[in-house]
């Protein structure tokens, strides 16, 4: 529970500081790119709160700066077999392009890192700490990505590619600010 009365999921020391930086930077990139990412913030876990945690939470979360993803009420884990058709094609395209751009192979049919809000018919994107993968391969990415069927709609059309390039350039406007924040925390 945050100071604002909202519930959050925290990522802390258990994932490591580099992955926390990736989570922060990519959540900001996703938001700027226009993706429906869950609300997020950096949270400070003070020593008294840390000491009140159960031992396994202390090890996973630690104290100091953590990445906080606000709970999205009344959602369920996205199941590709039954829910892909509910997601507009443009949003599928956007998620595929974004994940390719940030080198994120961690959004597969078996582990979508997506939530579905059925009352609102809305997709919610979470979890970017494995982005900027140095072992990223396009072949594996396009084979296993949850929205891999969108690649035919995107990568064969030069106008679409140009539009995405422009969106990426605009999205990067505040990149230095996000990366400095991640570096300083």
Protein backbone atom coordinates (compact mmCIF):
# COMPACT_ATOMS: atom_id res chain seq x y z
CA UNK A 1 0.00 0.00 0.00
CA UNK A 2 1.47 3.32 -1.05
CA UNK A 3 1.22 6.67 0.71
CA UNK A 4 -1.46 7.53 -1.85
CA UNK A 5 -3.71 4.70 -0.62
CA UNK A 6 -3.22 2.64 -3.80
CA UNK A 7 -1.95 -0.94 -3.92
CA UNK A 8 1.31 -1.59 -5.76
CA UNK A 9 3.44 -4.51 -6.80
CA UNK A 10 7.08 -3.84 -5.95
CA UNK A 11 10.26 -4.94 -7.64
CA UNK A 12 13.38 -4.37 -5.63
CA UNK A 13 16.72 -5.94 -4.90
CA UNK A 14 15.49 -9.38 -5.92
CA UNK A 15 15.66 -8.44 -9.59
CA UNK A 16 18.78 -6.30 -9.21
CA UNK A 17 19.42 -2.62 -9.78
CA UNK A 18 20.09 -2.93 -13.55
CA UNK A 19 16.71 -4.63 -14.04
CA UNK A 20 14.99 -1.97 -11.94
CA UNK A 21 16.50 0.67 -14.22
CA UNK A 22 15.22 -1.23 -17.27
CA UNK A 23 11.77 -1.48 -15.71
CA UNK A 24 11.67 2.28 -15.06
CA UNK A 25 13.04 3.32 -18.44
CA UNK A 26 10.85 0.93 -20.43
CA UNK A 27 7.66 1.76 -18.52
CA UNK A 28 8.28 5.42 -19.36
CA UNK A 29 9.06 4.54 -22.99
CA UNK A 30 5.89 2.42 -23.21
CA UNK A 31 3.76 5.22 -21.81
CA UNK A 32 5.32 7.79 -24.16
CA UNK A 33 4.87 5.37 -27.08
CA UNK A 34 1.15 5.29 -26.28
CA UNK A 35 0.88 1.79 -24.86
CA UNK A 36 -1.59 1.01 -22.07
CA UNK A 37 1.03 0.35 -19.41
CA UNK A 38 -0.08 -0.03 -15.78
CA UNK A 39 0.50 3.16 -13.76
CA UNK A 40 3.92 3.09 -12.13
CA UNK A 41 6.25 5.05 -9.89
CA UNK A 42 9.49 4.79 -8.02
CA UNK A 43 8.85 3.93 -4.39
CA UNK A 44 11.09 4.41 -1.40
CA UNK A 45 11.02 1.52 1.05
CA UNK A 46 12.24 2.98 4.32
CA UNK A 47 14.21 0.96 6.89
CA UNK A 48 11.31 0.63 9.41
CA UNK A 49 9.04 -0.74 6.65
CA UNK A 50 11.79 -3.05 5.44
CA UNK A 51 12.30 -4.37 8.97
CA UNK A 52 8.56 -5.07 9.25
CA UNK A 53 8.62 -7.24 6.11
CA UNK A 54 8.73 -11.02 6.40
CA UNK A 55 12.29 -12.31 5.86
CA UNK A 56 11.67 -13.50 2.27
CA UNK A 57 10.25 -10.07 1.33
CA UNK A 58 13.32 -8.40 2.82
CA UNK A 59 15.51 -10.47 0.51
CA UNK A 60 13.33 -9.83 -2.56
CA UNK A 61 12.44 -6.18 -2.07
CA UNK A 62 15.15 -4.77 0.15
CA UNK A 63 15.04 -1.11 1.10
CA UNK A 64 15.63 2.07 -0.80
CA UNK A 65 14.27 2.72 -4.28
CA UNK A 66 12.00 0.11 -5.84
CA UNK A 67 9.88 0.02 -8.96
CA UNK A 68 6.17 0.16 -8.10
CA UNK A 69 3.51 -0.96 -10.55
CA UNK A 70 0.04 0.05 -9.42
CA UNK A 71 -2.46 -2.76 -9.12
CA UNK A 72 -5.06 -2.72 -11.86
CA UNK A 73 -8.27 -3.92 -10.29
CA UNK A 74 -10.44 -6.60 -11.82
CA UNK A 75 -7.95 -7.92 -14.32
CA UNK A 76 -6.94 -11.38 -15.32
CA UNK A 77 -3.82 -12.82 -16.88
CA UNK A 78 -3.98 -12.46 -20.65
CA UNK A 79 -4.64 -15.82 -22.31
CA UNK A 80 -3.62 -15.63 -25.99
CA UNK A 81 -5.77 -18.52 -27.20
CA UNK A 82 -9.00 -16.86 -26.11
CA UNK A 83 -8.16 -13.15 -25.84
CA UNK A 84 -5.96 -12.16 -28.81
CA UNK A 85 -9.01 -11.49 -30.98
CA UNK A 86 -10.22 -8.98 -28.34
CA UNK A 87 -7.13 -6.79 -28.83
CA UNK A 88 -7.36 -4.33 -31.72
CA UNK A 89 -4.88 -5.11 -34.50
CA UNK A 90 -3.26 -1.68 -34.17
CA UNK A 91 -2.51 -2.33 -30.49
CA UNK A 92 -1.11 -5.77 -31.32
CA UNK A 93 1.12 -4.10 -33.91
CA UNK A 94 2.23 -1.46 -31.41
CA UNK A 95 3.13 -4.00 -28.72
CA UNK A 96 5.09 -6.13 -31.20
CA UNK A 97 7.03 -3.15 -32.55
CA UNK A 98 7.70 -1.76 -29.08
CA UNK A 99 8.98 -5.08 -27.72
CA UNK A 100 11.20 -5.51 -30.79
CA UNK A 101 12.52 -1.99 -30.32
CA UNK A 102 13.45 -2.54 -26.65
CA UNK A 103 14.72 -6.06 -27.34
CA UNK A 104 12.16 -7.68 -25.03
CA UNK A 105 11.73 -11.40 -25.65
CA UNK A 106 9.77 -11.76 -22.40
CA UNK A 107 6.26 -11.45 -23.81
CA UNK A 108 5.50 -14.88 -25.20
CA UNK A 109 2.40 -17.01 -25.58
CA UNK A 110 3.43 -18.89 -22.43
CA UNK A 111 4.32 -15.78 -20.41
CA UNK A 112 2.49 -12.80 -21.86
CA UNK A 113 3.21 -10.22 -19.16
CA UNK A 114 -0.14 -8.75 -20.15
CA UNK A 115 -3.33 -8.28 -18.17
CA UNK A 116 -6.86 -8.05 -19.49
CA UNK A 117 -9.51 -5.83 -17.87
CA UNK A 118 -12.73 -7.49 -19.10
CA UNK A 119 -15.12 -4.83 -17.79
CA UNK A 120 -13.30 -2.21 -19.86
CA UNK A 121 -12.18 -4.49 -22.72
CA UNK A 122 -8.69 -3.16 -22.12
CA UNK A 123 -5.19 -4.57 -22.35
CA UNK A 124 -2.67 -3.63 -19.64
CA UNK A 125 1.05 -4.04 -20.23
CA UNK A 126 3.42 -4.93 -17.39
CA UNK A 127 6.95 -6.18 -16.78
CA UNK A 128 9.90 -4.86 -18.76
CA UNK A 129 12.85 -5.75 -16.57
CA UNK A 130 14.25 -8.21 -19.13
CA UNK A 131 14.40 -5.63 -21.93
CA UNK A 132 17.62 -4.60 -23.67
CA UNK A 133 18.55 -8.28 -23.78
CA UNK A 134 22.12 -8.64 -25.07
CA UNK A 135 21.28 -12.16 -26.30
CA UNK A 136 18.19 -10.98 -28.20
CA UNK A 137 17.55 -12.68 -31.54
CA UNK A 138 14.96 -11.54 -34.03
CA UNK A 139 14.29 -15.11 -35.07
CA UNK A 140 13.35 -16.22 -31.56
CA UNK A 141 11.46 -12.99 -30.89
CA UNK A 142 9.22 -13.30 -33.94
CA UNK A 143 8.69 -17.00 -33.38
CA UNK A 144 7.46 -16.73 -29.78
CA UNK A 145 6.05 -13.22 -29.24
CA UNK A 146 2.40 -13.23 -28.18
CA UNK A 147 1.46 -10.98 -31.12
CA UNK A 148 3.86 -12.47 -33.69
CA UNK A 149 1.07 -12.68 -36.27
CA UNK A 150 1.20 -8.86 -36.52
CA UNK A 151 4.61 -8.86 -38.19
CA UNK A 152 3.09 -9.35 -41.63
CA UNK A 153 0.96 -6.24 -41.16
CA UNK A 154 3.95 -4.11 -40.20
CA UNK A 155 7.28 -5.04 -41.68
CA UNK A 156 6.23 -5.32 -45.31
CA UNK A 157 4.83 -1.80 -45.49
CA UNK A 158 7.37 1.03 -45.85
CA UNK A 159 4.82 3.69 -44.82
CA UNK A 160 4.04 1.83 -41.58
CA UNK A 161 7.74 1.42 -40.85
CA UNK A 162 8.28 5.16 -41.38
CA UNK A 163 5.39 5.98 -39.03
CA UNK A 164 6.86 3.77 -36.32
CA UNK A 165 10.29 5.31 -36.79
CA UNK A 166 8.80 8.77 -36.27
CA UNK A 167 6.90 7.58 -33.17
CA UNK A 168 10.10 6.16 -31.73
CA UNK A 169 11.97 9.42 -32.29
CA UNK A 170 9.21 11.37 -30.50
CA UNK A 171 9.12 8.79 -27.71
CA UNK A 172 12.84 9.25 -27.07
CA UNK A 173 12.42 12.96 -26.30
CA UNK A 174 12.65 12.44 -22.52
CA UNK A 175 14.86 9.35 -22.56
CA UNK A 176 17.81 11.18 -20.98
CA UNK A 177 15.59 12.27 -18.06
CA UNK A 178 14.38 8.73 -17.37
CA UNK A 179 17.84 7.23 -17.65
CA UNK A 180 19.31 9.88 -15.33
CA UNK A 181 16.58 9.17 -12.79
CA UNK A 182 17.33 5.44 -13.01
CA UNK A 183 21.04 6.07 -12.63
CA UNK A 184 20.57 8.32 -9.59
CA UNK A 185 18.25 6.00 -7.68
